[in-house]
Amino acid sequence: MDTDKVKIYGARVRVDSMSKDAQIEGAEKEKMRQKRKLFADAGILAIEHADFDGIEGLVLVTGGEIASTFDNPETVKLGHRKLIEEIMNG
């Protein structure tokens, strides 16, 4: 899960001041902080900067599911693996 970026695709927001724009951005950043805390409290490590091919590979080795939202985390099958190593060639 890419936890370091606020992602809003296909959304349009109209504001009448830069301070309201900053409020929206601040709320999204707080949401990301809460998500990281939720994961950390549960002993779950988040993987940052993974492309979709990498995510699909992780799903195969962990037995989990790809989730696009965590609104209902109890409906998502979490995967598990004792050890995952990254090997880079070149």
C-alpha atoms as a PDB file:
ATOM      1  CA  MET A   1       0.000   0.000   0.000  1.00  0.00           C
ATOM      2  CA  ASP A   2       1.335   3.346  -0.990  1.00  0.00           C
ATOM      3  CA  THR A   3       0.913   5.321   2.227  1.00  0.00           C
ATOM      4  CA  ASP A   4       2.933   8.423   1.526  1.00  0.00           C
ATOM      5  CA  LYS A   5       0.825  10.185  -1.081  1.00  0.00           C
ATOM      6  CA  VAL A   6      -2.651  11.649  -1.081  1.00  0.00           C
ATOM      7  CA  LYS A   7      -4.451  10.187  -4.074  1.00  0.00           C
ATOM      8  CA  ILE A   8      -7.602  11.717  -5.442  1.00  0.00           C
ATOM      9  CA  TYR A   9      -8.130  10.746  -9.065  1.00  0.00           C
ATOM     10  CA  GLY A  10     -11.015  12.067 -11.096  1.00  0.00           C
ATOM     11  CA  ALA A  11     -12.145  14.427  -8.354  1.00  0.00           C
ATOM     12  CA  ARG A  12     -12.758  18.114  -8.782  1.00  0.00           C
ATOM     13  CA  VAL A  13     -12.990  20.513  -5.892  1.00  0.00           C
ATOM     14  CA  ARG A  14     -13.884  24.173  -6.184  1.00  0.00           C
ATOM     15  CA  VAL A  15     -12.864  26.493  -3.413  1.00  0.00           C
ATOM     16  CA  ASP A  16     -12.974  30.237  -3.066  1.00  0.00           C
ATOM     17  CA  SER A  17      -9.720  30.614  -1.169  1.00  0.00           C
ATOM     18  CA  MET A  18      -6.326  28.996  -0.834  1.00  0.00           C
ATOM     19  CA  SER A  19      -6.978  28.429   2.871  1.00  0.00           C
ATOM     20  CA  LYS A  20      -9.897  26.104   2.035  1.00  0.00           C
ATOM     21  CA  ASP A  21      -7.656  24.246  -0.389  1.00  0.00           C
ATOM     22  CA  ALA A  22      -5.105  23.876   2.410  1.00  0.00           C
ATOM     23  CA  GLN A  23      -7.850  22.590   4.749  1.00  0.00           C
ATOM     24  CA  ILE A  24      -8.761  19.844   2.267  1.00  0.00           C
ATOM     25  CA  GLU A  25      -5.122  18.877   1.820  1.00  0.00           C
ATOM     26  CA  GLY A  26      -4.611  18.875   5.593  1.00  0.00           C
ATOM     27  CA  ALA A  27      -7.639  16.624   6.104  1.00  0.00           C
ATOM     28  CA  GLU A  28      -6.299  14.157   3.508  1.00  0.00           C
ATOM     29  CA  LYS A  29      -2.869  14.134   5.145  1.00  0.00           C
ATOM     30  CA  GLU A  30      -4.458  13.489   8.545  1.00  0.00           C
ATOM     31  CA  LYS A  31      -6.433  10.610   7.035  1.00  0.00           C
ATOM     32  CA  MET A  32      -3.150   9.133   5.759  1.00  0.00           C
ATOM     33  CA  ARG A  33      -1.528   9.542   9.212  1.00  0.00           C
ATOM     34  CA  GLN A  34      -4.461   7.735  10.826  1.00  0.00           C
ATOM     35  CA  LYS A  35      -4.173   4.923   8.276  1.00  0.00           C
ATOM     36  CA  ARG A  36      -0.460   4.521   9.027  1.00  0.00           C
ATOM     37  CA  LYS A  37      -1.210   4.475  12.770  1.00  0.00           C
ATOM     38  CA  LEU A  38      -3.913   1.849  12.292  1.00  0.00           C
ATOM     39  CA  PHE A  39      -1.454  -0.364  10.429  1.00  0.00           C
ATOM     40  CA  ALA A  40       1.379   0.213  12.914  1.00  0.00           C
ATOM     41  CA  ASP A  41      -0.862  -0.549  15.905  1.00  0.00           C
ATOM     42  CA  ALA A  42      -1.827  -3.842  14.268  1.00  0.00           C
ATOM     43  CA  GLY A  43       1.822  -4.737  13.554  1.00  0.00           C
ATOM     44  CA  ILE A  44       1.325  -4.406   9.798  1.00  0.00           C
ATOM     45  CA  LEU A  45       4.033  -2.907   7.613  1.00  0.00           C
ATOM     46  CA  ALA A  46       2.963  -0.809   4.646  1.00  0.00           C
ATOM     47  CA  ILE A  47       4.874  -1.098   1.388  1.00  0.00           C
ATOM     48  CA  GLU A  48       5.529   2.188  -0.320  1.00  0.00           C
ATOM     49  CA  HIS A  49       6.027   2.873  -4.021  1.00  0.00           C
ATOM     50  CA  ALA A  50       4.870  -0.519  -5.299  1.00  0.00           C
ATOM     51  CA  ASP A  51       3.598  -0.766  -8.851  1.00  0.00           C
ATOM     52  CA  PHE A  52       0.595  -2.920  -9.724  1.00  0.00           C
ATOM     53  CA  ASP A  53       2.753  -5.831 -10.947  1.00  0.00           C
ATOM     54  CA  GLY A  54       4.566  -5.802  -7.621  1.00  0.00           C
ATOM     55  CA  ILE A  55       1.282  -5.756  -5.726  1.00  0.00           C
ATOM     56  CA  GLU A  56      -0.041  -8.687  -7.746  1.00  0.00           C
ATOM     57  CA  GLY A  57       3.111 -10.641  -6.891  1.00  0.00           C
ATOM     58  CA  LEU A  58       2.658  -9.890  -3.195  1.00  0.00           C
ATOM     59  CA  VAL A  59      -0.942 -11.064  -3.361  1.00  0.00           C
ATOM     60  CA  LEU A  60       0.217 -14.375  -4.814  1.00  0.00           C
ATOM     61  CA  VAL A  61       2.862 -15.039  -2.161  1.00  0.00           C
ATOM     62  CA  THR A  62       0.872 -13.784   0.835  1.00  0.00           C
ATOM     63  CA  GLY A  63      -2.578 -15.115  -0.020  1.00  0.00           C
ATOM     64  CA  GLY A  64      -4.192 -11.712   0.556  1.00  0.00           C
ATOM     65  CA  GLU A  65      -6.521  -9.610  -1.568  1.00  0.00           C
ATOM     66  CA  ILE A  66      -6.019  -6.307  -3.366  1.00  0.00           C
ATOM     67  CA  ALA A  67      -8.187  -3.622  -1.773  1.00  0.00           C
ATOM     68  CA  SER A  68      -8.777  -0.184  -3.220  1.00  0.00           C
ATOM     69  CA  THR A  69     -10.301   1.159  -0.019  1.00  0.00           C
ATOM     70  CA  PHE A  70     -10.179   0.418   3.680  1.00  0.00           C
ATOM     71  CA  ASP A  71     -13.645   1.701   4.532  1.00  0.00           C
ATOM     72  CA  ASN A  72     -14.633  -1.823   5.614  1.00  0.00           C
ATOM     73  CA  PRO A  73     -11.377  -3.573   6.554  1.00  0.00           C
ATOM     74  CA  GLU A  74     -13.204  -6.577   7.975  1.00  0.00           C
ATOM     75  CA  THR A  75     -14.275  -7.546   4.439  1.00  0.00           C
ATOM     76  CA  VAL A  76     -10.698  -7.682   3.101  1.00  0.00           C
ATOM     77  CA  LYS A  77      -8.663 -10.876   3.303  1.00  0.00           C
ATOM     78  CA  LEU A  78      -5.249  -9.960   4.700  1.00  0.00           C
ATOM     79  CA  GLY A  79      -2.260 -11.941   3.527  1.00  0.00           C
ATOM     80  CA  HIS A  80       0.640 -13.132   5.651  1.00  0.00           C
ATOM     81  CA  ARG A  81       4.225 -14.096   5.040  1.00  0.00           C
ATOM     82  CA  LYS A  82       7.016 -14.505   7.585  1.00  0.00           C
ATOM     83  CA  LEU A  83       9.705 -13.234   5.220  1.00  0.00           C
ATOM     84  CA  ILE A  84       9.667 -11.237   2.002  1.00  0.00           C
ATOM     85  CA  GLU A  85      12.983 -10.299   0.409  1.00  0.00           C
ATOM     86  CA  GLU A  86      13.622  -7.774  -2.316  1.00  0.00           C
ATOM     87  CA  ILE A  87      16.289  -8.759  -4.808  1.00  0.00           C
ATOM     88  CA  MET A  88      17.302  -6.138  -7.344  1.00  0.00           C
ATOM     89  CA  ASN A  89      19.263  -7.060 -10.459  1.00  0.00           C
ATOM     90  CA  GLY A  90      21.487  -4.580 -12.264  1.00  0.00           C
END
